[in-house]
């Protein structure tokens, strides 16, 4: 049982942080894309 807890701590936490950061970056990339397409149409 301790092996499972250690495995979740070692792998689960970095995966959670990675998904959080990717979701934050995705919203910023969408905003950048929107600005670039606006500039393109000017």
Protein backbone atom coordinates (compact mmCIF):
# COMPACT_ATOMS: atom_id res chain seq x y z
CA UNK A 1 0.00 0.00 0.00
CA UNK A 2 2.84 2.41 0.77
CA UNK A 3 4.23 1.82 -2.70
CA UNK A 4 0.97 3.08 -4.24
CA UNK A 5 0.98 6.21 -2.10
CA UNK A 6 4.59 6.91 -3.04
CA UNK A 7 3.82 6.30 -6.71
CA UNK A 8 0.87 8.71 -6.62
CA UNK A 9 2.96 11.34 -4.84
CA UNK A 10 5.85 10.98 -7.27
CA UNK A 11 3.80 10.87 -10.47
CA UNK A 12 0.36 12.30 -9.70
CA UNK A 13 1.45 15.67 -8.37
CA UNK A 14 3.69 16.57 -11.35
CA UNK A 15 0.92 15.51 -13.74
CA UNK A 16 -1.57 17.73 -11.90
CA UNK A 17 0.80 20.70 -12.00
CA UNK A 18 1.49 20.11 -15.70
CA UNK A 19 -2.21 20.08 -16.58
CA UNK A 20 -2.76 23.26 -14.56
CA UNK A 21 0.08 25.07 -16.31
CA UNK A 22 -1.02 23.86 -19.75
CA UNK A 23 -4.54 25.15 -19.15
CA UNK A 24 -3.14 28.54 -18.12
CA UNK A 25 -0.89 28.71 -21.18
CA UNK A 26 -3.74 27.67 -23.48
CA UNK A 27 -5.85 30.70 -22.54
CA UNK A 28 -2.90 33.02 -23.14
CA UNK A 29 -2.19 31.41 -26.52
CA UNK A 30 -5.82 31.90 -27.53
CA UNK A 31 -5.55 35.59 -26.66
CA UNK A 32 -2.34 35.95 -28.67
CA UNK A 33 -3.94 34.18 -31.64
CA UNK A 34 -6.91 36.53 -31.48
CA UNK A 35 -4.68 39.61 -31.48
CA UNK A 36 -2.61 38.30 -34.37
CA UNK A 37 -5.66 37.60 -36.50
CA UNK A 38 -6.97 41.09 -35.72
CA UNK A 39 -3.68 42.65 -36.77
CA UNK A 40 -3.67 40.54 -39.94
CA UNK A 41 -7.03 41.95 -41.01
CA UNK A 42 -5.97 45.59 -40.59
